[in-house]
Amino acid sequence: MAQKKFSAEDIHTLMSNPYVMDANESRILYTPEFKKRFMDEYLAGKGPTQIFRDSGFDPRMLGGKRIERAAARWKIAYEKGRIS
């Protein structure tokens, strides 16, 4: 199944979030600060969707699968010492 494409309005909304470095119709580049915040809160027991929501993202816009994949990538990066 194809990944959800973001509209111009979605991209504008994403770019207004301080935790987004760049966004286009198919991807979001998050800041290192957000990845660290995400891992700190995740390790403290907070769920991925709630972390995104509390950080100003609309989980419905992003989609649950995108959030799950980002969380999985960042957990691996954290375990390898690339997020600290």
PDB file of N, CA and C in Angstrom:
ATOM      1  N   MET A   1       0.840  -1.181   0.000  1.00  0.00           N
ATOM      2  CA  MET A   1       0.000   0.000   0.000  1.00  0.00           C
ATOM      3  C   MET A   1       0.885   1.243   0.000  1.00  0.00           C
ATOM      4  N   ALA A   2       0.522   2.222  -0.777  1.00  0.00           N
ATOM      5  CA  ALA A   2       1.308   3.447  -0.887  1.00  0.00           C
ATOM      6  C   ALA A   2       1.192   4.276   0.388  1.00  0.00           C
ATOM      7  N   GLN A   3       2.274   4.959   0.703  1.00  0.00           N
ATOM      8  CA  GLN A   3       2.292   5.818   1.873  1.00  0.00           C
ATOM      9  C   GLN A   3       1.440   7.052   1.598  1.00  0.00           C
ATOM     10  N   LYS A   4       0.782   7.552   2.635  1.00  0.00           N
ATOM     11  CA  LYS A   4      -0.049   8.742   2.519  1.00  0.00           C
ATOM     12  C   LYS A   4       0.798   9.925   2.051  1.00  0.00           C
ATOM     13  N   LYS A   5       0.267  10.658   1.093  1.00  0.00           N
ATOM     14  CA  LYS A   5       0.941  11.869   0.617  1.00  0.00           C
ATOM     15  C   LYS A   5       0.408  13.071   1.385  1.00  0.00           C
ATOM     16  N   PHE A   6       1.300  13.966   1.750  1.00  0.00           N
ATOM     17  CA  PHE A   6       0.896  15.180   2.453  1.00  0.00           C
ATOM     18  C   PHE A   6       0.502  16.260   1.460  1.00  0.00           C
ATOM     19  N   SER A   7      -0.538  16.999   1.786  1.00  0.00           N
ATOM     20  CA  SER A   7      -0.975  18.129   0.969  1.00  0.00           C
ATOM     21  C   SER A   7      -0.083  19.330   1.274  1.00  0.00           C
ATOM     22  N   ALA A   8      -0.223  20.368   0.467  1.00  0.00           N
ATOM     23  CA  ALA A   8       0.534  21.606   0.712  1.00  0.00           C
ATOM     24  C   ALA A   8       0.179  22.172   2.086  1.00  0.00           C
ATOM     25  N   GLU A   9      -1.079  22.074   2.468  1.00  0.00           N
ATOM     26  CA  GLU A   9      -1.512  22.557   3.788  1.00  0.00           C
ATOM     27  C   GLU A   9      -0.879  21.719   4.900  1.00  0.00           C
ATOM     28  N   ASP A  10      -0.837  20.397   4.708  1.00  0.00           N
ATOM     29  CA  ASP A  10      -0.191  19.521   5.685  1.00  0.00           C
ATOM     30  C   ASP A  10       1.288  19.890   5.845  1.00  0.00           C
ATOM     31  N   ILE A  11       1.960  20.103   4.734  1.00  0.00           N
ATOM     32  CA  ILE A  11       3.393  20.448   4.761  1.00  0.00           C
ATOM     33  C   ILE A  11       3.600  21.758   5.506  1.00  0.00           C
ATOM     34  N   HIS A  12       2.735  22.733   5.250  1.00  0.00           N
ATOM     35  CA  HIS A  12       2.824  24.019   5.943  1.00  0.00           C
ATOM     36  C   HIS A  12       2.654  23.819   7.456  1.00  0.00           C
ATOM     37  N   THR A  13       1.682  23.003   7.840  1.00  0.00           N
ATOM     38  CA  THR A  13       1.449  22.712   9.253  1.00  0.00           C
ATOM     39  C   THR A  13       2.664  22.015   9.857  1.00  0.00           C
ATOM     40  N   LEU A  14       3.184  21.027   9.178  1.00  0.00           N
ATOM     41  CA  LEU A  14       4.365  20.316   9.675  1.00  0.00           C
ATOM     42  C   LEU A  14       5.556  21.258   9.832  1.00  0.00           C
ATOM     43  N   MET A  15       5.785  22.105   8.845  1.00  0.00           N
ATOM     44  CA  MET A  15       6.932  23.016   8.882  1.00  0.00           C
ATOM     45  C   MET A  15       6.818  24.053   9.999  1.00  0.00           C
ATOM     46  N   SER A  16       5.606  24.280  10.499  1.00  0.00           N
ATOM     47  CA  SER A  16       5.436  25.239  11.595  1.00  0.00           C
ATOM     48  C   SER A  16       5.779  24.616  12.952  1.00  0.00           C
ATOM     49  N   ASN A  17       5.980  23.302  12.986  1.00  0.00           N
ATOM     50  CA  ASN A  17       6.344  22.624  14.225  1.00  0.00           C
ATOM     51  C   ASN A  17       7.861  22.757  14.420  1.00  0.00           C
ATOM     52  N   PRO A  18       8.294  23.209  15.602  1.00  0.00           N
ATOM     53  CA  PRO A  18       9.736  23.403  15.822  1.00  0.00           C
ATOM     54  C   PRO A  18      10.550  22.109  15.782  1.00  0.00           C
ATOM     55  N   TYR A  19       9.886  20.963  15.831  1.00  0.00           N
ATOM     56  CA  TYR A  19      10.587  19.686  15.790  1.00  0.00           C
ATOM     57  C   TYR A  19      10.739  19.124  14.380  1.00  0.00           C
ATOM     58  N   VAL A  20      10.354  19.900  13.376  1.00  0.00           N
ATOM     59  CA  VAL A  20      10.474  19.467  11.984  1.00  0.00           C
ATOM     60  C   VAL A  20      11.535  20.311  11.284  1.00  0.00           C
ATOM     61  N   MET A  21      12.540  19.630  10.723  1.00  0.00           N
ATOM     62  CA  MET A  21      13.581  20.322   9.960  1.00  0.00           C
ATOM     63  C   MET A  21      13.136  20.536   8.514  1.00  0.00           C
ATOM     64  N   ASP A  22      12.434  19.536   7.949  1.00  0.00           N
ATOM     65  CA  ASP A  22      11.983  19.624   6.564  1.00  0.00           C
ATOM     66  C   ASP A  22      10.829  18.649   6.373  1.00  0.00           C
ATOM     67  N   ALA A  23      10.000  18.939   5.396  1.00  0.00           N
ATOM     68  CA  ALA A  23       8.892  18.045   5.051  1.00  0.00           C
ATOM     69  C   ALA A  23       8.556  18.240   3.587  1.00  0.00           C
ATOM     70  N   ASN A  24       8.128  17.164   2.954  1.00  0.00           N
ATOM     71  CA  ASN A  24       7.594  17.253   1.599  1.00  0.00           C
ATOM     72  C   ASN A  24       6.391  16.328   1.520  1.00  0.00           C
ATOM     73  N   GLU A  25       5.913  16.060   0.334  1.00  0.00           N
ATOM     74  CA  GLU A  25       4.673  15.293   0.234  1.00  0.00           C
ATOM     75  C   GLU A  25       4.794  13.856   0.727  1.00  0.00           C
ATOM     76  N   SER A  26       6.009  13.349   0.856  1.00  0.00           N
ATOM     77  CA  SER A  26       6.151  11.947   1.235  1.00  0.00           C
ATOM     78  C   SER A  26       6.994  11.682   2.487  1.00  0.00           C
ATOM     79  N   ARG A  27       7.662  12.704   3.025  1.00  0.00           N
ATOM     80  CA  ARG A  27       8.510  12.431   4.192  1.00  0.00           C
ATOM     81  C   ARG A  27       8.609  13.631   5.117  1.00  0.00           C
ATOM     82  N   ILE A  28       9.032  13.327   6.340  1.00  0.00           N
ATOM     83  CA  ILE A  28       9.255  14.342   7.363  1.00  0.00           C
ATOM     84  C   ILE A  28      10.652  14.116   7.921  1.00  0.00           C
ATOM     85  N   LEU A  29      11.426  15.175   8.047  1.00  0.00           N
ATOM     86  CA  LEU A  29      12.743  15.102   8.665  1.00  0.00           C
ATOM     87  C   LEU A  29      12.629  15.791  10.033  1.00  0.00           C
ATOM     88  N   TYR A  30      12.742  14.988  11.084  1.00  0.00           N
ATOM     89  CA  TYR A  30      12.602  15.490  12.444  1.00  0.00           C
ATOM     90  C   TYR A  30      13.947  15.985  12.971  1.00  0.00           C
ATOM     91  N   THR A  31      13.896  16.913  13.929  1.00  0.00           N
ATOM     92  CA  THR A  31      15.123  17.444  14.518  1.00  0.00           C
ATOM     93  C   THR A  31      15.747  16.417  15.460  1.00  0.00           C
ATOM     94  N   PRO A  32      17.063  16.498  15.657  1.00  0.00           N
ATOM     95  CA  PRO A  32      17.702  15.634  16.649  1.00  0.00           C
ATOM     96  C   PRO A  32      17.106  15.844  18.048  1.00  0.00           C
ATOM     97  N   GLU A  33      16.699  17.074  18.347  1.00  0.00           N
ATOM     98  CA  GLU A  33      16.102  17.360  19.652  1.00  0.00           C
ATOM     99  C   GLU A  33      14.808  16.568  19.848  1.00  0.00           C
ATOM    100  N   PHE A  34      14.012  16.453  18.775  1.00  0.00           N
ATOM    101  CA  PHE A  34      12.768  15.698  18.899  1.00  0.00           C
ATOM    102  C   PHE A  34      13.059  14.215  19.101  1.00  0.00           C
ATOM    103  N   LYS A  35      14.018  13.693  18.384  1.00  0.00           N
ATOM    104  CA  LYS A  35      14.349  12.275  18.531  1.00  0.00           C
ATOM    105  C   LYS A  35      14.813  11.984  19.961  1.00  0.00           C
ATOM    106  N   LYS A  36      15.614  12.883  20.529  1.00  0.00           N
ATOM    107  CA  LYS A  36      16.059  12.716  21.912  1.00  0.00           C
ATOM    108  C   LYS A  36      14.880  12.820  22.863  1.00  0.00           C
ATOM    109  N   ARG A  37      14.032  13.831  22.666  1.00  0.00           N
ATOM    110  CA  ARG A  37      12.842  13.994  23.505  1.00  0.00           C
ATOM    111  C   ARG A  37      11.973  12.740  23.415  1.00  0.00           C
ATOM    112  N   PHE A  38      11.781  12.261  22.187  1.00  0.00           N
ATOM    113  CA  PHE A  38      10.962  11.077  21.978  1.00  0.00           C
ATOM    114  C   PHE A  38      11.509   9.912  22.803  1.00  0.00           C
ATOM    115  N   MET A  39      12.796   9.644  22.691  1.00  0.00           N
ATOM    116  CA  MET A  39      13.384   8.506  23.399  1.00  0.00           C
ATOM    117  C   MET A  39      13.338   8.698  24.914  1.00  0.00           C
ATOM    118  N   ASP A  40      13.588   9.899  25.396  1.00  0.00           N
ATOM    119  CA  ASP A  40      13.513  10.159  26.841  1.00  0.00           C
ATOM    120  C   ASP A  40      12.108   9.846  27.356  1.00  0.00           C
ATOM    121  N   GLU A  41      11.099  10.326  26.649  1.00  0.00           N
ATOM    122  CA  GLU A  41       9.722  10.121  27.092  1.00  0.00           C
ATOM    123  C   GLU A  41       9.286   8.664  26.889  1.00  0.00           C
ATOM    124  N   TYR A  42       9.746   8.055  25.820  1.00  0.00           N
ATOM    125  CA  TYR A  42       9.406   6.662  25.560  1.00  0.00           C
ATOM    126  C   TYR A  42       9.993   5.761  26.656  1.00  0.00           C
ATOM    127  N   LEU A  43      11.244   5.994  27.004  1.00  0.00           N
ATOM    128  CA  LEU A  43      11.888   5.201  28.046  1.00  0.00           C
ATOM    129  C   LEU A  43      11.278   5.444  29.426  1.00  0.00           C
ATOM    130  N   ALA A  44      10.623   6.595  29.575  1.00  0.00           N
ATOM    131  CA  ALA A  44       9.931   6.900  30.833  1.00  0.00           C
ATOM    132  C   ALA A  44       8.532   6.277  30.865  1.00  0.00           C
ATOM    133  N   GLY A  45       8.133   5.619  29.763  1.00  0.00           N
ATOM    134  CA  GLY A  45       6.871   4.893  29.763  1.00  0.00           C
ATOM    135  C   GLY A  45       5.740   5.489  28.946  1.00  0.00           C
ATOM    136  N   LYS A  46       5.994   6.600  28.284  1.00  0.00           N
ATOM    137  CA  LYS A  46       4.939   7.227  27.485  1.00  0.00           C
ATOM    138  C   LYS A  46       4.850   6.547  26.122  1.00  0.00           C
ATOM    139  N   GLY A  47       3.653   6.427  25.582  1.00  0.00           N
ATOM    140  CA  GLY A  47       3.447   5.791  24.288  1.00  0.00           C
ATOM    141  C   GLY A  47       3.836   6.700  23.127  1.00  0.00           C
ATOM    142  N   PRO A  48       4.240   6.105  22.001  1.00  0.00           N
ATOM    143  CA  PRO A  48       4.671   6.892  20.845  1.00  0.00           C
ATOM    144  C   PRO A  48       3.634   7.904  20.350  1.00  0.00           C
ATOM    145  N   THR A  49       2.393   7.494  20.213  1.00  0.00           N
ATOM    146  CA  THR A  49       1.376   8.421  19.707  1.00  0.00           C
ATOM    147  C   THR A  49       1.199   9.598  20.648  1.00  0.00           C
ATOM    148  N   GLN A  50       1.214   9.332  21.953  1.00  0.00           N
ATOM    149  CA  GLN A  50       1.064  10.416  22.920  1.00  0.00           C
ATOM    150  C   GLN A  50       2.250  11.376  22.866  1.00  0.00           C
ATOM    151  N   ILE A  51       3.443  10.847  22.671  1.00  0.00           N
ATOM    152  CA  ILE A  51       4.629  11.710  22.566  1.00  0.00           C
ATOM    153  C   ILE A  51       4.488  12.641  21.363  1.00  0.00           C
ATOM    154  N   PHE A  52       4.090  12.098  20.217  1.00  0.00           N
ATOM    155  CA  PHE A  52       3.887  12.934  19.037  1.00  0.00           C
ATOM    156  C   PHE A  52       2.813  13.980  19.300  1.00  0.00           C
ATOM    157  N   ARG A  53       1.698  13.563  19.890  1.00  0.00           N
ATOM    158  CA  ARG A  53       0.594  14.493  20.181  1.00  0.00           C
ATOM    159  C   ARG A  53       1.074  15.614  21.100  1.00  0.00           C
ATOM    160  N   ASP A  54       1.768  15.250  22.179  1.00  0.00           N
ATOM    161  CA  ASP A  54       2.256  16.242  23.143  1.00  0.00           C
ATOM    162  C   ASP A  54       3.315  17.169  22.547  1.00  0.00           C
ATOM    163  N   SER A  55       3.904  16.746  21.430  1.00  0.00           N
ATOM    164  CA  SER A  55       4.935  17.559  20.760  1.00  0.00           C
ATOM    165  C   SER A  55       4.352  18.407  19.635  1.00  0.00           C
ATOM    166  N   GLY A  56       3.039  18.457  19.557  1.00  0.00           N
ATOM    167  CA  GLY A  56       2.382  19.349  18.600  1.00  0.00           C
ATOM    168  C   GLY A  56       2.022  18.721  17.267  1.00  0.00           C
ATOM    169  N   PHE A  57       2.149  17.417  17.135  1.00  0.00           N
ATOM    170  CA  PHE A  57       1.795  16.739  15.887  1.00  0.00           C
ATOM    171  C   PHE A  57       0.366  16.209  15.970  1.00  0.00           C
ATOM    172  N   ASP A  58      -0.296  16.152  14.829  1.00  0.00           N
ATOM    173  CA  ASP A  58      -1.619  15.552  14.734  1.00  0.00           C
ATOM    174  C   ASP A  58      -1.434  14.105  14.290  1.00  0.00           C
ATOM    175  N   PRO A  59      -1.616  13.146  15.200  1.00  0.00           N
ATOM    176  CA  PRO A  59      -1.411  11.742  14.828  1.00  0.00           C
ATOM    177  C   PRO A  59      -2.298  11.283  13.671  1.00  0.00           C
ATOM    178  N   ARG A  60      -3.468  11.887  13.515  1.00  0.00           N
ATOM    179  CA  ARG A  60      -4.338  11.510  12.394  1.00  0.00           C
ATOM    180  C   ARG A  60      -3.721  11.935  11.069  1.00  0.00           C
ATOM    181  N   MET A  61      -3.047  13.078  11.050  1.00  0.00           N
ATOM    182  CA  MET A  61      -2.387  13.537   9.825  1.00  0.00           C
ATOM    183  C   MET A  61      -1.215  12.621   9.487  1.00  0.00           C
ATOM    184  N   LEU A  62      -0.433  12.274  10.506  1.00  0.00           N
ATOM    185  CA  LEU A  62       0.751  11.452  10.285  1.00  0.00           C
ATOM    186  C   LEU A  62       0.384  10.005   9.969  1.00  0.00           C
ATOM    187  N   GLY A  63      -0.567   9.496  10.688  1.00  0.00           N
ATOM    188  CA  GLY A  63      -0.942   8.089  10.547  1.00  0.00           C
ATOM    189  C   GLY A  63      -0.182   7.224  11.541  1.00  0.00           C
ATOM    190  N   GLY A  64      -0.864   6.242  12.069  1.00  0.00           N
ATOM    191  CA  GLY A  64      -0.275   5.378  13.087  1.00  0.00           C
ATOM    192  C   GLY A  64       0.940   4.615  12.613  1.00  0.00           C
ATOM    193  N   LYS A  65       0.907   4.171  11.366  1.00  0.00           N
ATOM    194  CA  LYS A  65       2.027   3.374  10.836  1.00  0.00           C
ATOM    195  C   LYS A  65       3.302   4.215  10.750  1.00  0.00           C
ATOM    196  N   ARG A  66       3.181   5.468  10.330  1.00  0.00           N
ATOM    197  CA  ARG A  66       4.346   6.359  10.237  1.00  0.00           C
ATOM    198  C   ARG A  66       4.960   6.571  11.628  1.00  0.00           C
ATOM    199  N   ILE A  67       4.097   6.735  12.628  1.00  0.00           N
ATOM    200  CA  ILE A  67       4.576   6.918  14.007  1.00  0.00           C
ATOM    201  C   ILE A  67       5.264   5.646  14.488  1.00  0.00           C
ATOM    202  N   GLU A  68       4.658   4.489  14.228  1.00  0.00           N
ATOM    203  CA  GLU A  68       5.265   3.211  14.622  1.00  0.00           C
ATOM    204  C   GLU A  68       6.624   3.006  13.975  1.00  0.00           C
ATOM    205  N   ARG A  69       6.731   3.316  12.699  1.00  0.00           N
ATOM    206  CA  ARG A  69       8.009   3.126  11.990  1.00  0.00           C
ATOM    207  C   ARG A  69       9.089   4.060  12.520  1.00  0.00           C
ATOM    208  N   ALA A  70       8.715   5.325  12.780  1.00  0.00           N
ATOM    209  CA  ALA A  70       9.684   6.274  13.332  1.00  0.00           C
ATOM    210  C   ALA A  70      10.161   5.786  14.692  1.00  0.00           C
ATOM    211  N   ALA A  71       9.231   5.345  15.533  1.00  0.00           N
ATOM    212  CA  ALA A  71       9.593   4.852  16.864  1.00  0.00           C
ATOM    213  C   ALA A  71      10.552   3.663  16.754  1.00  0.00           C
ATOM    214  N   ALA A  72      10.266   2.743  15.854  1.00  0.00           N
ATOM    215  CA  ALA A  72      11.133   1.566  15.677  1.00  0.00           C
ATOM    216  C   ALA A  72      12.530   1.978  15.220  1.00  0.00           C
ATOM    217  N   ARG A  73      12.620   2.911  14.260  1.00  0.00           N
ATOM    218  CA  ARG A  73      13.934   3.380  13.776  1.00  0.00           C
ATOM    219  C   ARG A  73      14.717   4.037  14.906  1.00  0.00           C
ATOM    220  N   TRP A  74      14.035   4.878  15.685  1.00  0.00           N
ATOM    221  CA  TRP A  74      14.718   5.621  16.738  1.00  0.00           C
ATOM    222  C   TRP A  74      15.133   4.725  17.882  1.00  0.00           C
ATOM    223  N   LYS A  75      14.368   3.684  18.177  1.00  0.00           N
ATOM    224  CA  LYS A  75      14.764   2.738  19.219  1.00  0.00           C
ATOM    225  C   LYS A  75      16.061   2.029  18.812  1.00  0.00           C
ATOM    226  N   ILE A  76      16.151   1.621  17.561  1.00  0.00           N
ATOM    227  CA  ILE A  76      17.366   0.972  17.058  1.00  0.00           C
ATOM    228  C   ILE A  76      18.540   1.947  17.114  1.00  0.00           C
ATOM    229  N   ALA A  77      18.322   3.177  16.661  1.00  0.00           N
ATOM    230  CA  ALA A  77      19.388   4.182  16.686  1.00  0.00           C
ATOM    231  C   ALA A  77      19.837   4.457  18.109  1.00  0.00           C
ATOM    232  N   TYR A  78      18.901   4.503  19.033  1.00  0.00           N
ATOM    233  CA  TYR A  78      19.237   4.728  20.443  1.00  0.00           C
ATOM    234  C   TYR A  78      20.096   3.582  20.978  1.00  0.00           C
ATOM    235  N   GLU A  79      19.701   2.357  20.674  1.00  0.00           N
ATOM    236  CA  GLU A  79      20.457   1.184  21.132  1.00  0.00           C
ATOM    237  C   GLU A  79      21.879   1.168  20.561  1.00  0.00           C
ATOM    238  N   LYS A  80      22.055   1.742  19.382  1.00  0.00           N
ATOM    239  CA  LYS A  80      23.376   1.816  18.762  1.00  0.00           C
ATOM    240  C   LYS A  80      24.146   3.063  19.177  1.00  0.00           C
ATOM    241  N   GLY A  81      23.568   3.867  20.060  1.00  0.00           N
ATOM    242  CA  GLY A  81      24.229   5.063  20.569  1.00  0.00           C
ATOM    243  C   GLY A  81      24.155   6.266  19.657  1.00  0.00           C
ATOM    244  N   ARG A  82      23.260   6.240  18.674  1.00  0.00           N
ATOM    245  CA  ARG A  82      23.164   7.369  17.746  1.00  0.00           C
ATOM    246  C   ARG A  82      22.178   8.433  18.189  1.00  0.00           C
ATOM    247  N   ILE A  83      21.412   8.139  19.218  1.00  0.00           N
ATOM    248  CA  ILE A  83      20.531   9.131  19.848  1.00  0.00           C
ATOM    249  C   ILE A  83      20.868   9.096  21.328  1.00  0.00           C
ATOM    250  N   SER A  84      21.278  10.250  21.859  1.00  0.00           N
ATOM    251  CA  SER A  84      21.633  10.268  23.286  1.00  0.00           C
ATOM    252  C   SER A  84      21.098  11.504  23.958  1.00  0.00           C
TER     253      SER A  84
END
